[in-house]
PDB file of N, CA and C in Angstrom:
ATOM      1  N   MET A   1     -26.940  23.334  12.272  1.00  0.00           N
ATOM      2  CA  MET A   1     -26.293  23.150  10.963  1.00  0.00           C
ATOM      3  C   MET A   1     -25.955  24.402  10.291  1.00  0.00           C
ATOM      4  N   LEU A   2     -24.992  24.606   9.805  1.00  0.00           N
ATOM      5  CA  LEU A   2     -24.577  25.784   8.998  1.00  0.00           C
ATOM      6  C   LEU A   2     -24.889  25.687   7.706  1.00  0.00           C
ATOM      7  N   VAL A   3     -25.782  26.572   7.074  1.00  0.00           N
ATOM      8  CA  VAL A   3     -26.339  26.798   5.844  1.00  0.00           C
ATOM      9  C   VAL A   3     -25.613  27.773   5.112  1.00  0.00           C
ATOM     10  N   LEU A   4     -24.825  27.339   3.854  1.00  0.00           N
ATOM     11  CA  LEU A   4     -24.107  28.390   3.089  1.00  0.00           C
ATOM     12  C   LEU A   4     -24.713  28.362   1.466  1.00  0.00           C
ATOM     13  N   SER A   5     -24.839  29.496   1.202  1.00  0.00           N
ATOM     14  CA  SER A   5     -25.140  29.569  -0.479  1.00  0.00           C
ATOM     15  C   SER A   5     -23.947  29.602  -1.195  1.00  0.00           C
ATOM     16  N   ARG A   6     -23.912  28.817  -2.207  1.00  0.00           N
ATOM     17  CA  ARG A   6     -22.787  29.058  -3.181  1.00  0.00           C
ATOM     18  C   ARG A   6     -23.425  28.959  -4.539  1.00  0.00           C
ATOM     19  N   GLN A   7     -22.551  29.451  -5.532  1.00  0.00           N
ATOM     20  CA  GLN A   7     -22.803  29.475  -6.984  1.00  0.00           C
ATOM     21  C   GLN A   7     -22.042  28.428  -7.546  1.00  0.00           C
ATOM     22  N   ARG A   8     -22.160  28.085  -8.844  1.00  0.00           N
ATOM     23  CA  ARG A   8     -21.229  27.149  -9.613  1.00  0.00           C
ATOM     24  C   ARG A   8     -19.776  27.762  -9.639  1.00  0.00           C
ATOM     25  N   ASP A   9     -19.013  26.747  -9.520  1.00  0.00           N
ATOM     26  CA  ASP A   9     -17.514  26.985  -9.324  1.00  0.00           C
ATOM     27  C   ASP A   9     -17.003  27.829  -7.946  1.00  0.00           C
ATOM     28  N   GLU A  10     -17.917  27.914  -7.147  1.00  0.00           N
ATOM     29  CA  GLU A  10     -17.568  28.438  -5.734  1.00  0.00           C
ATOM     30  C   GLU A  10     -17.194  27.308  -4.862  1.00  0.00           C
ATOM     31  N   THR A  11     -16.215  27.518  -3.916  1.00  0.00           N
ATOM     32  CA  THR A  11     -15.827  26.516  -2.931  1.00  0.00           C
ATOM     33  C   THR A  11     -16.076  26.806  -1.552  1.00  0.00           C
ATOM     34  N   ILE A  12     -16.228  25.807  -0.852  1.00  0.00           N
ATOM     35  CA  ILE A  12     -16.273  25.884   0.675  1.00  0.00           C
ATOM     36  C   ILE A  12     -15.168  25.060   1.243  1.00  0.00           C
ATOM     37  N   MET A  13     -14.530  25.623   2.289  1.00  0.00           N
ATOM     38  CA  MET A  13     -13.246  25.170   2.825  1.00  0.00           C
ATOM     39  C   MET A  13     -13.761  24.454   4.153  1.00  0.00           C
ATOM     40  N   ILE A  14     -13.423  23.312   4.332  1.00  0.00           N
ATOM     41  CA  ILE A  14     -13.722  22.575   5.720  1.00  0.00           C
ATOM     42  C   ILE A  14     -12.316  22.334   6.442  1.00  0.00           C
ATOM     43  N   GLY A  15     -11.920  22.814   7.303  1.00  0.00           N
ATOM     44  CA  GLY A  15     -10.772  22.964   8.006  1.00  0.00           C
ATOM     45  C   GLY A  15      -9.694  23.566   7.077  1.00  0.00           C
ATOM     46  N   ASP A  16      -8.372  23.054   7.027  1.00  0.00           N
ATOM     47  CA  ASP A  16      -7.370  23.694   6.015  1.00  0.00           C
ATOM     48  C   ASP A  16      -7.088  22.837   4.846  1.00  0.00           C
ATOM     49  N   ASN A  17      -7.818  21.562   4.885  1.00  0.00           N
ATOM     50  CA  ASN A  17      -7.350  20.713   3.906  1.00  0.00           C
ATOM     51  C   ASN A  17      -8.533  19.968   3.162  1.00  0.00           C
ATOM     52  N   ILE A  18      -9.877  20.380   3.271  1.00  0.00           N
ATOM     53  CA  ILE A  18     -10.920  19.732   2.607  1.00  0.00           C
ATOM     54  C   ILE A  18     -11.719  20.805   1.682  1.00  0.00           C
ATOM     55  N   GLU A  19     -11.835  20.607   0.563  1.00  0.00           N
ATOM     56  CA  GLU A  19     -12.447  21.672  -0.305  1.00  0.00           C
ATOM     57  C   GLU A  19     -13.732  21.011  -0.960  1.00  0.00           C
ATOM     58  N   VAL A  20     -14.867  21.539  -0.865  1.00  0.00           N
ATOM     59  CA  VAL A  20     -16.102  21.251  -1.318  1.00  0.00           C
ATOM     60  C   VAL A  20     -16.542  22.343  -2.433  1.00  0.00           C
ATOM     61  N   THR A  21     -16.530  21.971  -3.792  1.00  0.00           N
ATOM     62  CA  THR A  21     -16.850  22.989  -4.767  1.00  0.00           C
ATOM     63  C   THR A  21     -18.271  22.604  -5.545  1.00  0.00           C
ATOM     64  N   VAL A  22     -18.946  23.655  -5.725  1.00  0.00           N
ATOM     65  CA  VAL A  22     -20.128  23.327  -6.525  1.00  0.00           C
ATOM     66  C   VAL A  22     -19.723  23.137  -8.144  1.00  0.00           C
ATOM     67  N   VAL A  23     -19.839  22.022  -8.660  1.00  0.00           N
ATOM     68  CA  VAL A  23     -19.292  21.671  -9.883  1.00  0.00           C
ATOM     69  C   VAL A  23     -20.444  22.158 -10.973  1.00  0.00           C
ATOM     70  N   ASP A  24     -21.753  21.803 -10.715  1.00  0.00           N
ATOM     71  CA  ASP A  24     -22.756  22.055 -11.652  1.00  0.00           C
ATOM     72  C   ASP A  24     -24.155  22.006 -11.004  1.00  0.00           C
ATOM     73  N   ILE A  25     -25.065  22.691 -11.624  1.00  0.00           N
ATOM     74  CA  ILE A  25     -26.417  22.889 -10.985  1.00  0.00           C
ATOM     75  C   ILE A  25     -27.334  22.605 -12.251  1.00  0.00           C
ATOM     76  N   ARG A  26     -28.284  21.475 -11.870  1.00  0.00           N
ATOM     77  CA  ARG A  26     -29.079  21.262 -13.018  1.00  0.00           C
ATOM     78  C   ARG A  26     -30.426  20.944 -12.380  1.00  0.00           C
ATOM     79  N   GLY A  27     -31.296  21.992 -12.439  1.00  0.00           N
ATOM     80  CA  GLY A  27     -32.593  21.800 -11.921  1.00  0.00           C
ATOM     81  C   GLY A  27     -32.596  21.702 -10.532  1.00  0.00           C
ATOM     82  N   ASP A  28     -33.077  20.638  -9.724  1.00  0.00           N
ATOM     83  CA  ASP A  28     -32.942  20.382  -8.337  1.00  0.00           C
ATOM     84  C   ASP A  28     -31.806  19.783  -7.796  1.00  0.00           C
ATOM     85  N   LYS A  29     -30.772  19.497  -8.806  1.00  0.00           N
ATOM     86  CA  LYS A  29     -29.535  18.531  -8.472  1.00  0.00           C
ATOM     87  C   LYS A  29     -28.286  19.369  -8.715  1.00  0.00           C
ATOM     88  N   VAL A  30     -27.534  19.337  -7.399  1.00  0.00           N
ATOM     89  CA  VAL A  30     -26.252  20.020  -7.362  1.00  0.00           C
ATOM     90  C   VAL A  30     -25.139  18.956  -7.477  1.00  0.00           C
ATOM     91  N   ARG A  31     -24.109  19.168  -8.224  1.00  0.00           N
ATOM     92  CA  ARG A  31     -22.999  18.227  -8.352  1.00  0.00           C
ATOM     93  C   ARG A  31     -21.910  18.976  -7.427  1.00  0.00           C
ATOM     94  N   LEU A  32     -21.318  18.150  -6.572  1.00  0.00           N
ATOM     95  CA  LEU A  32     -20.111  18.810  -5.900  1.00  0.00           C
ATOM     96  C   LEU A  32     -18.983  18.036  -6.004  1.00  0.00           C
ATOM     97  N   GLY A  33     -17.836  18.674  -6.092  1.00  0.00           N
ATOM     98  CA  GLY A  33     -16.588  18.155  -6.052  1.00  0.00           C
ATOM     99  C   GLY A  33     -15.920  18.345  -4.816  1.00  0.00           C
ATOM    100  N   ILE A  34     -15.314  17.220  -4.216  1.00  0.00           N
ATOM    101  CA  ILE A  34     -14.807  17.227  -2.918  1.00  0.00           C
ATOM    102  C   ILE A  34     -13.398  16.796  -3.055  1.00  0.00           C
ATOM    103  N   ASN A  35     -12.457  17.771  -2.679  1.00  0.00           N
ATOM    104  CA  ASN A  35     -11.088  17.415  -2.399  1.00  0.00           C
ATOM    105  C   ASN A  35     -10.578  17.321  -1.093  1.00  0.00           C
ATOM    106  N   ALA A  36     -10.263  16.045  -0.823  1.00  0.00           N
ATOM    107  CA  ALA A  36      -9.744  15.777   0.723  1.00  0.00           C
ATOM    108  C   ALA A  36      -8.573  14.791   0.765  1.00  0.00           C
ATOM    109  N   PRO A  37      -7.797  14.780   1.630  1.00  0.00           N
ATOM    110  CA  PRO A  37      -6.619  13.853   1.904  1.00  0.00           C
ATOM    111  C   PRO A  37      -7.102  12.411   1.763  1.00  0.00           C
ATOM    112  N   LYS A  38      -6.232  11.530   1.264  1.00  0.00           N
ATOM    113  CA  LYS A  38      -6.775  10.096   1.214  1.00  0.00           C
ATOM    114  C   LYS A  38      -7.104   9.428   2.538  1.00  0.00           C
ATOM    115  N   GLU A  39      -6.457  10.024   3.573  1.00  0.00           N
ATOM    116  CA  GLU A  39      -6.799   9.248   4.858  1.00  0.00           C
ATOM    117  C   GLU A  39      -8.160   9.678   5.455  1.00  0.00           C
ATOM    118  N   ILE A  40      -8.824  10.548   4.680  1.00  0.00           N
ATOM    119  CA  ILE A  40     -10.289  11.081   5.175  1.00  0.00           C
ATOM    120  C   ILE A  40     -11.383  10.290   4.059  1.00  0.00           C
ATOM    121  N   SER A  41     -12.155   9.501   4.802  1.00  0.00           N
ATOM    122  CA  SER A  41     -13.191   8.767   3.885  1.00  0.00           C
ATOM    123  C   SER A  41     -14.279   9.846   3.549  1.00  0.00           C
ATOM    124  N   VAL A  42     -14.782   9.754   2.201  1.00  0.00           N
ATOM    125  CA  VAL A  42     -15.816  10.672   1.824  1.00  0.00           C
ATOM    126  C   VAL A  42     -16.852   9.697   1.203  1.00  0.00           C
ATOM    127  N   HIS A  43     -18.013   9.737   1.635  1.00  0.00           N
ATOM    128  CA  HIS A  43     -19.144   8.894   1.007  1.00  0.00           C
ATOM    129  C   HIS A  43     -20.362   9.578   1.068  1.00  0.00           C
ATOM    130  N   ARG A  44     -21.217   9.154   0.261  1.00  0.00           N
ATOM    131  CA  ARG A  44     -22.665   9.650   0.362  1.00  0.00           C
ATOM    132  C   ARG A  44     -23.297   9.135   1.589  1.00  0.00           C
ATOM    133  N   LYS A  45     -24.249   9.795   2.313  1.00  0.00           N
ATOM    134  CA  LYS A  45     -24.732   9.272   3.517  1.00  0.00           C
ATOM    135  C   LYS A  45     -25.184   7.978   3.464  1.00  0.00           C
ATOM    136  N   GLU A  46     -25.898   7.650   2.286  1.00  0.00           N
ATOM    137  CA  GLU A  46     -26.681   6.131   2.223  1.00  0.00           C
ATOM    138  C   GLU A  46     -25.549   5.135   2.296  1.00  0.00           C
ATOM    139  N   VAL A  47     -24.363   5.489   1.650  1.00  0.00           N
ATOM    140  CA  VAL A  47     -23.372   4.478   1.490  1.00  0.00           C
ATOM    141  C   VAL A  47     -22.686   4.451   2.871  1.00  0.00           C
ATOM    142  N   TYR A  48     -22.535   5.465   3.548  1.00  0.00           N
ATOM    143  CA  TYR A  48     -21.941   5.313   4.915  1.00  0.00           C
ATOM    144  C   TYR A  48     -22.775   4.796   5.977  1.00  0.00           C
ATOM    145  N   ASP A  49     -24.048   4.973   5.825  1.00  0.00           N
ATOM    146  CA  ASP A  49     -24.947   4.475   6.740  1.00  0.00           C
ATOM    147  C   ASP A  49     -24.886   2.649   6.491  1.00  0.00           C
ATOM    148  N   ALA A  50     -24.789   2.260   5.162  1.00  0.00           N
ATOM    149  CA  ALA A  50     -24.743   0.886   4.940  1.00  0.00           C
ATOM    150  C   ALA A  50     -23.417   0.398   5.421  1.00  0.00           C
ATOM    151  N   ILE A  51     -22.362   1.025   5.227  1.00  0.00           N
ATOM    152  CA  ILE A  51     -20.946   0.424   5.873  1.00  0.00           C
ATOM    153  C   ILE A  51     -21.150   0.368   7.279  1.00  0.00           C
ATOM    154  N   ARG A  52     -21.662   1.285   7.869  1.00  0.00           N
ATOM    155  CA  ARG A  52     -21.741   1.202   9.454  1.00  0.00           C
ATOM    156  C   ARG A  52     -22.612   0.062   9.903  1.00  0.00           C
ATOM    157  N   ARG A  53     -23.789  -0.098   9.241  1.00  0.00           N
ATOM    158  CA  ARG A  53     -24.644  -1.376   9.588  1.00  0.00           C
ATOM    159  C   ARG A  53     -23.902  -2.698   9.351  1.00  0.00           C
ATOM    160  N   GLU A  54     -23.071  -2.623   7.970  1.00  0.00           N
ATOM    161  CA  GLU A  54     -22.329  -4.025   7.901  1.00  0.00           C
ATOM    162  C   GLU A  54     -21.262  -4.052   9.067  1.00  0.00           C
ATOM    163  N   ASN A  55     -20.460  -2.959   9.163  1.00  0.00           N
ATOM    164  CA  ASN A  55     -19.542  -3.181  10.402  1.00  0.00           C
ATOM    165  C   ASN A  55     -20.113  -3.457  11.804  1.00  0.00           C
ATOM    166  N   ARG A  56     -21.204  -3.012  12.216  1.00  0.00           N
ATOM    167  CA  ARG A  56     -21.872  -3.651  13.307  1.00  0.00           C
ATOM    168  C   ARG A  56     -22.278  -4.967  13.341  1.00  0.00           C
ATOM    169  N   ALA A  57     -22.872  -5.257  12.107  1.00  0.00           N
ATOM    170  CA  ALA A  57     -23.281  -6.700  11.977  1.00  0.00           C
ATOM    171  C   ALA A  57     -22.053  -7.489  12.175  1.00  0.00           C
ATOM    172  N   ALA A  58     -20.947  -7.169  11.534  1.00  0.00           N
ATOM    173  CA  ALA A  58     -19.735  -8.123  11.589  1.00  0.00           C
ATOM    174  C   ALA A  58     -19.115  -8.034  13.019  1.00  0.00           C
ATOM    175  N   ALA A  59     -19.263  -7.106  13.759  1.00  0.00           N
ATOM    176  CA  ALA A  59     -18.810  -7.019  15.072  1.00  0.00           C
ATOM    177  C   ALA A  59     -19.499  -7.907  16.052  1.00  0.00           C
ATOM    178  N   GLN A  60     -20.687  -8.292  15.536  1.00  0.00           N
ATOM    179  CA  GLN A  60     -21.659  -9.240  16.510  1.00  0.00           C
ATOM    180  C   GLN A  60     -21.349 -10.787  16.156  1.00  0.00           C
ATOM    181  N   VAL A  61     -20.648 -11.069  15.163  1.00  0.00           N
ATOM    182  CA  VAL A  61     -20.386 -12.364  14.826  1.00  0.00           C
ATOM    183  C   VAL A  61     -19.598 -12.986  16.033  1.00  0.00           C
ATOM    184  N   LYS A  62     -20.112 -14.184  16.328  1.00  0.00           N
ATOM    185  CA  LYS A  62     -19.632 -15.027  17.429  1.00  0.00           C
ATOM    186  C   LYS A  62     -18.319 -16.013  16.659  1.00  0.00           C
ATOM    187  N   PRO A  63     -17.538 -16.498  17.282  1.00  0.00           N
ATOM    188  CA  PRO A  63     -16.560 -17.321  16.737  1.00  0.00           C
ATOM    189  C   PRO A  63     -17.367 -18.764  16.331  1.00  0.00           C
ATOM    190  N   GLU A  64     -18.302 -19.288  17.124  1.00  0.00           N
ATOM    191  CA  GLU A  64     -19.055 -20.445  16.668  1.00  0.00           C
ATOM    192  C   GLU A  64     -19.720 -20.319  15.300  1.00  0.00           C
ATOM    193  N   ASP A  65     -19.924 -18.987  15.065  1.00  0.00           N
ATOM    194  CA  ASP A  65     -20.793 -18.688  13.723  1.00  0.00           C
ATOM    195  C   ASP A  65     -19.929 -18.895  12.531  1.00  0.00           C
ATOM    196  N   LEU A  66     -18.410 -18.903  12.844  1.00  0.00           N
ATOM    197  CA  LEU A  66     -17.524 -19.201  11.678  1.00  0.00           C
ATOM    198  C   LEU A  66     -16.996 -20.411  11.693  1.00  0.00           C
ATOM    199  N   SER A  67     -17.616 -21.523  12.295  1.00  0.00           N
ATOM    200  CA  SER A  67     -16.972 -22.674  12.303  1.00  0.00           C
ATOM    201  C   SER A  67     -16.925 -23.417  10.963  1.00  0.00           C
ATOM    202  N   GLY A  68     -15.906 -23.998  10.404  1.00  0.00           N
ATOM    203  CA  GLY A  68     -15.870 -24.506   9.313  1.00  0.00           C
ATOM    204  C   GLY A  68     -15.418 -23.577   8.348  1.00  0.00           C
ATOM    205  N   LEU A  69     -15.363 -22.389   8.320  1.00  0.00           N
ATOM    206  CA  LEU A  69     -14.960 -21.381   7.484  1.00  0.00           C
ATOM    207  C   LEU A  69     -13.303 -21.270   7.537  1.00  0.00           C
ATOM    208  N   GLY A  70     -12.686 -21.020   6.508  1.00  0.00           N
ATOM    209  CA  GLY A  70     -11.238 -20.929   6.448  1.00  0.00           C
ATOM    210  C   GLY A  70     -10.627 -22.267   6.653  1.00  0.00           C
ATOM    211  N   LYS A  71     -11.102 -23.405   6.719  1.00  0.00           N
ATOM    212  CA  LYS A  71     -10.483 -24.617   6.998  1.00  0.00           C
ATOM    213  C   LYS A  71     -10.256 -25.258   5.529  1.00  0.00           C
ATOM    214  N   VAL A  72      -9.039 -25.581   5.271  1.00  0.00           N
ATOM    215  CA  VAL A  72      -8.677 -26.212   3.971  1.00  0.00           C
ATOM    216  C   VAL A  72      -8.476 -27.670   4.091  1.00  0.00           C
ATOM    217  N   THR A  73      -9.174 -28.618   3.609  1.00  0.00           N
ATOM    218  CA  THR A  73      -9.020 -29.857   3.574  1.00  0.00           C
ATOM    219  C   THR A  73      -8.391 -30.364   2.314  1.00  0.00           C
ATOM    220  N   PRO A  74      -7.387 -31.294   2.559  1.00  0.00           N
ATOM    221  CA  PRO A  74      -6.675 -31.767   1.103  1.00  0.00           C
ATOM    222  C   PRO A  74      -7.594 -32.682   0.357  1.00  0.00           C
ATOM    223  N   PRO A  75      -7.429 -32.650  -0.946  1.00  0.00           N
ATOM    224  CA  PRO A  75      -8.325 -33.524  -1.754  1.00  0.00           C
ATOM    225  C   PRO A  75      -7.924 -35.036  -1.395  1.00  0.00           C
ATOM    226  N   LYS A  76      -8.950 -35.936  -1.623  1.00  0.00           N
ATOM    227  CA  LYS A  76      -8.723 -37.306  -1.163  1.00  0.00           C
ATOM    228  C   LYS A  76      -7.739 -38.147  -1.993  1.00  0.00           C
ATOM    229  N   ASN A  77      -7.551 -37.900  -3.216  1.00  0.00           N
ATOM    230  CA  ASN A  77      -6.654 -38.374  -4.226  1.00  0.00           C
ATOM    231  C   ASN A  77      -5.619 -37.213  -4.904  1.00  0.00           C
ATOM    232  N   PRO A  78      -4.865 -36.733  -3.918  1.00  0.00           N
ATOM    233  CA  PRO A  78      -3.875 -35.672  -4.581  1.00  0.00           C
ATOM    234  C   PRO A  78      -3.078 -36.191  -5.680  1.00  0.00           C
ATOM    235  N   GLN A  79      -3.014 -35.504  -6.776  1.00  0.00           N
ATOM    236  CA  GLN A  79      -2.117 -35.952  -7.764  1.00  0.00           C
ATOM    237  C   GLN A  79      -0.807 -35.183  -7.576  1.00  0.00           C
ATOM    238  N   GLN A  80       0.207 -36.073  -7.878  1.00  0.00           N
ATOM    239  CA  GLN A  80       1.533 -35.625  -7.811  1.00  0.00           C
ATOM    240  C   GLN A  80       1.810 -34.998  -8.976  1.00  0.00           C
ATOM    241  N   PRO A  81       2.650 -33.759  -8.805  1.00  0.00           N
ATOM    242  CA  PRO A  81       3.118 -32.981  -9.898  1.00  0.00           C
ATOM    243  C   PRO A  81       4.058 -33.893 -10.819  1.00  0.00           C
ATOM    244  N   LYS A  82       3.897 -33.877 -12.160  1.00  0.00           N
ATOM    245  CA  LYS A  82       4.611 -34.500 -13.104  1.00  0.00           C
ATOM    246  C   LYS A  82       5.956 -33.980 -13.235  1.00  0.00           C
ATOM    247  N   GLU A  83       7.045 -34.746 -13.269  1.00  0.00           N
ATOM    248  CA  GLU A  83       8.291 -34.201 -13.364  1.00  0.00           C
ATOM    249  C   GLU A  83       8.429 -33.779 -14.777  1.00  0.00           C
ATOM    250  N   GLU A  84       9.145 -32.666 -15.068  1.00  0.00           N
ATOM    251  CA  GLU A  84       9.465 -32.308 -16.231  1.00  0.00           C
ATOM    252  C   GLU A  84      10.736 -32.918 -16.994  1.00  0.00           C
ATOM    253  N   LYS A  85      10.568 -33.286 -18.174  1.00  0.00           N
ATOM    254  CA  LYS A  85      11.706 -33.940 -18.910  1.00  0.00           C
ATOM    255  C   LYS A  85      12.672 -32.863 -19.287  1.00  0.00           C
ATOM    256  N   LYS A  86      13.941 -33.151 -19.049  1.00  0.00           N
ATOM    257  CA  LYS A  86      14.948 -32.214 -19.523  1.00  0.00           C
ATOM    258  C   LYS A  86      15.586 -32.541 -20.793  1.00  0.00           C
TER     259      LYS A  86
END
């Protein structure tokens, strides 16, 4: 792991197009600003881990687990739309 020291308003570059800037420091918390292209996802690690867990769980779903989902049944007594008077 690379460890760098930065002060407020100083920036770290990742590659040619990702900037990480120290925005604020308050006590033991550091606020970071991240400027990255839209196609690059940026998440806090706990959110990233939750997304991965959900994706893995979704990948394990079998077709029989989805039976009945997405099927639309028409109502028993469908009402005909009333014609508008002209």
